[in-house]
Protein backbone atom coordinates (compact mmCIF):
# COMPACT_ATOMS: atom_id res chain seq x y z
CA MET A 1 8.22 -21.70 -25.88
CA ALA A 2 6.44 -23.58 -23.12
CA GLU A 3 6.22 -22.39 -19.59
CA LEU A 4 8.81 -24.66 -17.16
CA GLN A 5 6.88 -27.44 -15.65
CA ARG A 6 7.74 -27.64 -11.91
CA LEU A 7 7.53 -29.84 -8.96
CA VAL A 8 9.00 -30.33 -5.46
CA VAL A 9 10.59 -33.58 -5.13
CA ASP A 10 10.46 -35.54 -2.13
CA THR A 11 13.82 -37.61 -0.28
CA ASN A 12 12.44 -41.49 -1.38
CA VAL A 13 12.41 -39.57 -5.26
CA ALA A 14 15.96 -38.57 -4.87
CA PHE A 15 17.36 -41.17 -2.93
CA LYS A 16 16.14 -43.68 -5.99
CA TRP A 17 18.36 -42.03 -8.16
CA PHE A 18 21.59 -43.18 -6.56
CA VAL A 19 20.67 -46.73 -4.73
CA ARG A 20 18.58 -48.72 -7.73
CA GLU A 21 18.85 -52.06 -4.99
CA ARG A 22 15.39 -52.99 -3.55
CA GLU A 23 13.57 -49.56 -4.87
CA ARG A 24 10.33 -49.55 -6.55
CA ASN A 25 9.52 -47.05 -9.34
CA LEU A 26 12.74 -46.52 -10.22
CA PRO A 27 11.87 -46.28 -13.94
CA GLN A 28 9.65 -42.79 -13.00
CA ALA A 29 12.07 -41.40 -10.30
CA GLY A 30 14.79 -41.83 -13.40
CA GLN A 31 12.76 -40.47 -15.74
CA LEU A 32 11.89 -37.29 -13.20
CA LEU A 33 15.40 -36.61 -13.28
CA GLU A 34 15.95 -37.13 -17.31
CA ASP A 35 13.38 -34.47 -17.32
CA PHE A 36 15.17 -32.56 -15.21
CA LEU A 37 19.27 -32.68 -16.59
CA PRO A 38 17.88 -30.83 -19.61
CA SER A 39 15.74 -28.80 -18.38
CA GLN A 40 12.84 -29.66 -19.22
CA VAL A 41 11.06 -29.60 -15.37
CA GLY A 42 12.25 -27.37 -12.68
CA LEU A 43 13.12 -29.20 -8.91
CA LEU A 44 12.94 -27.45 -5.79
CA ALA A 45 13.11 -29.28 -2.24
CA PRO A 46 13.16 -27.53 1.21
CA ASP A 47 17.39 -27.53 2.36
CA VAL A 48 16.42 -30.72 4.60
CA LEU A 49 16.74 -32.61 1.18
CA ASP A 50 20.65 -33.02 1.63
CA TYR A 51 20.53 -33.42 5.15
CA LYS A 52 18.03 -36.54 4.47
CA LEU A 53 19.36 -38.31 1.83
CA SER A 54 22.86 -38.29 3.80
CA ASN A 55 21.12 -39.67 6.08
CA LEU A 56 19.66 -42.73 3.84
CA LEU A 57 22.77 -42.72 2.24
CA ARG A 58 24.01 -43.27 5.63
CA ARG A 59 21.66 -45.83 6.78
CA ALA A 60 22.70 -47.96 3.31
CA VAL A 61 25.92 -47.99 4.11
CA GLN A 62 25.27 -49.59 7.55
CA GLN A 63 22.77 -51.63 5.89
CA GLY A 64 25.56 -53.59 3.22
CA ARG A 65 23.37 -52.15 0.62
CA LEU A 66 25.88 -49.44 -0.46
CA ALA A 67 29.78 -49.32 0.01
CA ILE A 68 31.61 -45.78 1.32
CA PRO A 69 33.11 -44.36 -1.54
CA PRO A 70 29.95 -44.80 -3.93
CA ALA A 71 27.78 -43.29 -1.13
CA LEU A 72 29.89 -40.44 -0.86
CA GLN A 73 30.23 -40.55 -4.73
CA ALA A 74 26.28 -40.08 -4.47
CA HIS A 75 26.50 -37.46 -2.34
CA ARG A 76 28.49 -35.35 -4.57
CA ASP A 77 26.43 -36.23 -7.44
CA PHE A 78 23.56 -35.07 -6.10
CA LEU A 79 25.39 -31.60 -4.86
CA ALA A 80 26.00 -31.85 -9.20
CA VAL A 81 22.31 -31.96 -9.93
CA GLY A 82 21.26 -28.98 -8.99
CA ILE A 83 18.43 -28.91 -6.90
CA ILE A 84 16.91 -25.20 -5.96
CA LEU A 85 17.04 -25.93 -2.09
CA VAL A 86 14.54 -23.90 -0.17
CA ASP A 87 15.86 -22.39 3.15
CA THR A 88 13.01 -23.58 5.67
CA ALA A 89 13.76 -21.78 8.81
CA SER A 90 11.38 -19.50 9.23
CA LEU A 91 8.82 -22.19 8.16
CA VAL A 92 9.59 -24.59 11.45
CA HIS A 93 6.42 -23.39 13.28
CA GLU A 94 4.28 -23.56 10.67
CA ALA A 95 6.07 -27.29 9.83
CA LEU A 96 5.40 -28.19 13.56
CA ARG A 97 1.12 -26.89 13.43
CA LEU A 98 1.10 -29.33 9.75
CA GLY A 99 3.10 -31.64 11.39
CA LEU A 100 0.78 -32.50 14.41
CA ALA A 101 -2.13 -31.78 11.82
CA HIS A 102 -1.46 -34.42 9.59
CA ARG A 103 0.95 -36.89 11.77
CA ILE A 104 3.67 -36.68 9.65
CA SER A 105 7.08 -35.71 10.95
CA ILE A 106 8.24 -32.02 10.88
CA PHE A 107 10.58 -32.90 7.94
CA ASP A 108 7.52 -33.84 6.12
CA ALA A 109 6.03 -31.12 6.37
CA LEU A 110 8.47 -29.19 5.37
CA PHE A 111 8.05 -30.74 1.61
CA LEU A 112 4.80 -29.98 1.62
CA LEU A 113 4.88 -26.35 2.94
CA VAL A 114 7.31 -25.43 -0.44
CA GLY A 115 4.98 -27.40 -2.37
CA LEU A 116 2.23 -25.16 -0.94
CA ARG A 117 3.80 -22.29 -1.23
CA SER A 118 5.45 -22.05 -4.17
CA ASN A 119 1.83 -23.54 -5.97
CA THR A 120 4.02 -26.34 -7.03
CA SER A 121 3.40 -30.15 -7.14
CA LEU A 122 5.05 -32.59 -4.71
CA VAL A 123 6.66 -35.79 -6.31
CA THR A 124 6.76 -38.18 -3.51
CA ASP A 125 6.62 -42.32 -3.24
CA ASP A 126 5.73 -42.07 -0.03
CA GLU A 127 2.31 -43.16 0.64
CA ARG A 128 1.50 -41.57 4.10
CA LEU A 129 2.65 -37.74 2.54
CA SER A 130 1.14 -38.36 -0.50
CA THR A 131 -2.39 -38.68 1.84
CA ALA A 132 -1.34 -35.87 4.11
CA GLY A 133 -0.40 -33.66 1.06
CA ALA A 134 -4.00 -34.22 -0.53
CA ALA A 135 -5.51 -33.42 2.81
CA ALA A 136 -3.21 -30.27 3.34
CA GLY A 137 -4.23 -29.18 -0.11
CA CYS A 138 -0.74 -29.67 -1.86
CA ALA A 139 -0.87 -30.85 -5.28
CA VAL A 140 0.38 -34.20 -4.77
CA ILE A 141 2.20 -36.76 -8.01
CA ARG A 142 2.96 -40.32 -6.67
CA LEU A 143 5.72 -41.55 -7.78
CA GLY A 144 4.04 -44.61 -9.78
CA ASP A 145 2.34 -42.29 -11.81
CA TYR A 146 4.98 -39.73 -13.22
CA ARG A 147 5.05 -39.62 -17.02
CA PRO A 148 7.77 -37.84 -19.48
CA VAL A 149 7.20 -34.80 -20.20
CA SER A 150 6.79 -34.72 -24.04
CA GLY A 151 9.21 -31.33 -25.32
């Protein structure tokens, strides 16, 4: 049996699973979720993913891109997906250092740290995070380059 591929998933990728209007690289985001659900790919993320995704859903409601009931359902669906959320309380100081060094938010630095600490590639659709990840030594897969897992 082949070893399970593990990936760190960024908020902008998870958001595309639930809000598809005006988003790019939707087929790749959908494929990543399809690969994860039958356990072909293991997904993990820092615990801040839940907060960041919830905030993006709130913003989508405020912008009129999503109604309240679908936003609440999207959050329930996200929780049901079963992404492994890594506790990051002990990583904040290191995230601050990484954020300052690469001019990224502390939240984005936490995604990089989870990737670096778990020796796992980060999947993102954020160009700035992708560039910072490469500079920090984290393997990065740009969402547009994601391909299905053969299995």
